Amino acid sequence: MAYKITDACVSCGACEPECPVNCISAGEGIYVIDAAACIDCGNCANVCPVAAPVQE
């Protein structure tokens, strides 16, 4: 299962450098995850201060 970033995202950018496959990028107002590239490692969820990344 891939992760997705919910509307709780505050665009802090903490998740982006933690992704080992670089599938997180800045979107319009929130960060987004390319589900096809996500390897379900959970690094993004572990560093997010508002728990925005969740498993789909």
Protein backbone atom coordinates (compact mmCIF):
# COMPACT_ATOMS: atom_id res chain seq x y z
CA MET A 1 0.00 0.00 0.00
CA ALA A 2 1.25 3.44 -0.85
CA TYR A 3 1.05 6.49 1.37
CA LYS A 4 -0.93 9.60 0.54
CA ILE A 5 -0.77 13.03 2.13
CA THR A 6 -4.03 14.33 3.55
CA ASP A 7 -5.35 17.88 3.80
CA ALA A 8 -3.79 18.07 7.27
CA CYS A 9 -0.48 18.88 5.51
CA VAL A 10 0.97 22.24 6.55
CA SER A 11 3.59 22.26 3.74
CA CYS A 12 6.53 22.21 6.15
CA GLY A 13 8.58 20.03 3.78
CA ALA A 14 9.87 17.66 6.47
CA CYS A 15 8.74 14.60 4.51
CA GLU A 16 10.34 15.32 1.15
CA PRO A 17 14.02 14.73 2.04
CA GLU A 18 13.13 11.58 4.02
CA CYS A 19 11.74 9.72 0.98
CA PRO A 20 14.33 7.20 -0.29
CA VAL A 21 12.74 7.03 -3.75
CA ASN A 22 12.05 10.78 -4.16
CA CYS A 23 8.33 10.33 -4.78
CA ILE A 24 7.23 13.33 -2.65
CA SER A 25 6.94 16.77 -4.19
CA ALA A 26 5.36 20.13 -3.44
CA GLY A 27 1.86 20.40 -4.81
CA GLU A 28 -0.66 23.21 -4.65
CA GLY A 29 -0.80 24.03 -0.96
CA ILE A 30 0.22 20.55 0.24
CA TYR A 31 2.88 17.99 -0.58
CA VAL A 32 1.92 15.01 -2.75
CA ILE A 33 3.15 11.44 -3.08
CA ASP A 34 3.45 9.59 -6.39
CA ALA A 35 1.62 6.41 -5.36
CA ALA A 36 3.14 4.41 -8.23
CA ALA A 37 6.66 5.14 -6.94
CA CYS A 38 5.95 4.89 -3.20
CA ILE A 39 7.60 1.85 -1.56
CA ASP A 40 5.50 2.07 1.64
CA CYS A 41 8.49 2.67 3.92
CA GLY A 42 6.70 5.08 6.26
CA ASN A 43 9.60 7.54 6.55
CA CYS A 44 7.33 10.43 5.61
CA ALA A 45 4.77 9.54 8.28
CA ASN A 46 7.48 9.17 10.91
CA VAL A 47 8.75 12.74 10.49
CA CYS A 48 5.49 14.58 9.82
CA PRO A 49 4.56 16.90 12.70
CA VAL A 50 0.83 16.77 11.87
CA ALA A 51 0.46 13.10 10.79
CA ALA A 52 -0.60 14.06 7.26
CA PRO A 53 0.85 11.01 5.42
CA VAL A 54 -1.42 7.98 5.79
CA GLN A 55 -1.53 4.57 4.14
CA GLU A 56 -4.05 4.30 1.32
